Amino acid sequence: MGKIWVQKPPFGSQINFGHPLSRSLVACFLFNEGGGLKIRDLARNNNGAISGALWKPSIKEQILSFVGGSSTDNVNCGKSSAINN
């Protein structure tokens, strides 16, 4: 039986691309970096750039907060055809 996660997988986790559920996976963002200006895509390396949002402490870990309500607060993952289709 597979692992049952009670929290996000740790930073640096990898995807088992041999698993049937990963066959059509386009992107996988865990948002577990806890800081910095990049979000790592575990699936296809379509890493995102954080703009306007801030890392904030929560009960268990750092979270990405879009509190400004601004349309410029986003994570830009580029123009990969895999994501934009």
Protein backbone atom coordinates (compact mmCIF):
# COMPACT_ATOMS: atom_id res chain seq x y z
CA MET A 1 0.00 0.00 0.00
CA GLY A 2 1.23 3.52 -0.81
CA LYS A 3 2.09 6.21 1.66
CA ILE A 4 -0.78 8.24 3.09
CA TRP A 5 0.30 11.85 3.57
CA VAL A 6 -1.13 13.79 6.50
CA GLN A 7 0.76 16.84 5.31
CA LYS A 8 2.48 17.97 2.15
CA PRO A 9 5.36 15.84 0.93
CA PRO A 10 8.72 17.31 1.99
CA PHE A 11 10.63 19.75 -0.20
CA GLY A 12 12.64 17.84 -2.79
CA SER A 13 10.07 15.04 -3.19
CA GLN A 14 9.94 13.37 -6.59
CA ILE A 15 7.09 11.98 -8.68
CA ASN A 16 6.94 8.30 -9.59
CA PHE A 17 6.33 8.63 -13.34
CA GLY A 18 5.75 4.88 -13.57
CA HIS A 19 2.54 5.22 -11.52
CA PRO A 20 -0.69 5.24 -13.61
CA LEU A 21 -1.97 8.47 -12.02
CA SER A 22 1.09 10.40 -13.24
CA ARG A 23 0.69 9.56 -16.95
CA SER A 24 -1.27 12.70 -17.87
CA LEU A 25 0.18 14.91 -15.16
CA VAL A 26 0.95 18.34 -16.61
CA ALA A 27 2.18 20.15 -13.50
CA CYS A 28 2.55 19.51 -9.77
CA PHE A 29 3.12 22.49 -7.50
CA LEU A 30 3.36 21.60 -3.79
CA PHE A 31 3.98 25.18 -2.64
CA ASN A 32 6.30 23.80 0.05
CA GLU A 33 9.36 25.93 -0.67
CA GLY A 34 8.62 28.10 2.37
CA GLY A 35 10.41 31.14 0.95
CA GLY A 36 11.95 32.67 -2.12
CA LEU A 37 10.49 33.87 -5.39
CA LYS A 38 10.11 30.54 -7.24
CA ILE A 39 7.61 27.66 -7.07
CA ARG A 40 8.99 24.31 -8.19
CA ASP A 41 7.04 22.12 -10.63
CA LEU A 42 7.77 18.48 -9.83
CA ALA A 43 6.19 17.16 -13.03
CA ARG A 44 7.58 18.97 -16.05
CA ASN A 45 9.92 21.69 -14.76
CA ASN A 46 7.46 24.52 -15.52
CA ASN A 47 8.69 26.38 -12.47
CA GLY A 48 6.74 29.47 -11.47
CA ALA A 49 7.85 32.98 -10.52
CA ILE A 50 6.05 34.54 -7.54
CA SER A 51 4.91 38.14 -8.01
CA GLY A 52 3.27 40.17 -5.25
CA ALA A 53 2.43 37.23 -2.97
CA LEU A 54 4.34 36.72 0.29
CA TRP A 55 5.36 33.71 2.37
CA LYS A 56 3.60 33.84 5.76
CA PRO A 57 3.82 31.56 8.80
CA SER A 58 0.85 29.27 9.46
CA ILE A 59 0.17 26.67 12.14
CA LYS A 60 2.44 24.01 10.60
CA GLU A 61 4.52 25.64 7.88
CA GLN A 62 5.06 28.68 5.68
CA ILE A 63 2.26 29.36 3.19
CA LEU A 64 2.05 31.58 0.13
CA SER A 65 -0.37 34.41 0.85
CA PHE A 66 -2.21 36.43 -1.80
CA VAL A 67 -3.63 38.96 0.67
CA GLY A 68 -3.23 42.15 -1.34
CA GLY A 69 -6.26 41.51 -3.52
CA SER A 70 -4.25 42.89 -6.41
CA SER A 71 -4.51 41.42 -9.88
CA THR A 72 -0.71 41.52 -9.98
CA ASP A 73 -0.37 38.97 -7.12
CA ASN A 74 0.27 35.73 -8.98
CA VAL A 75 2.55 32.81 -9.77
CA ASN A 76 3.62 33.00 -13.41
CA CYS A 77 4.39 29.57 -14.87
CA GLY A 78 5.34 30.82 -18.30
CA LYS A 79 3.80 29.85 -21.62
CA SER A 80 4.40 26.12 -21.79
CA SER A 81 1.93 24.54 -24.19
CA ALA A 82 1.43 21.70 -21.68
CA ILE A 83 0.00 24.11 -19.10
CA ASN A 84 -1.83 26.52 -21.39
CA ASN A 85 -3.85 23.96 -23.36
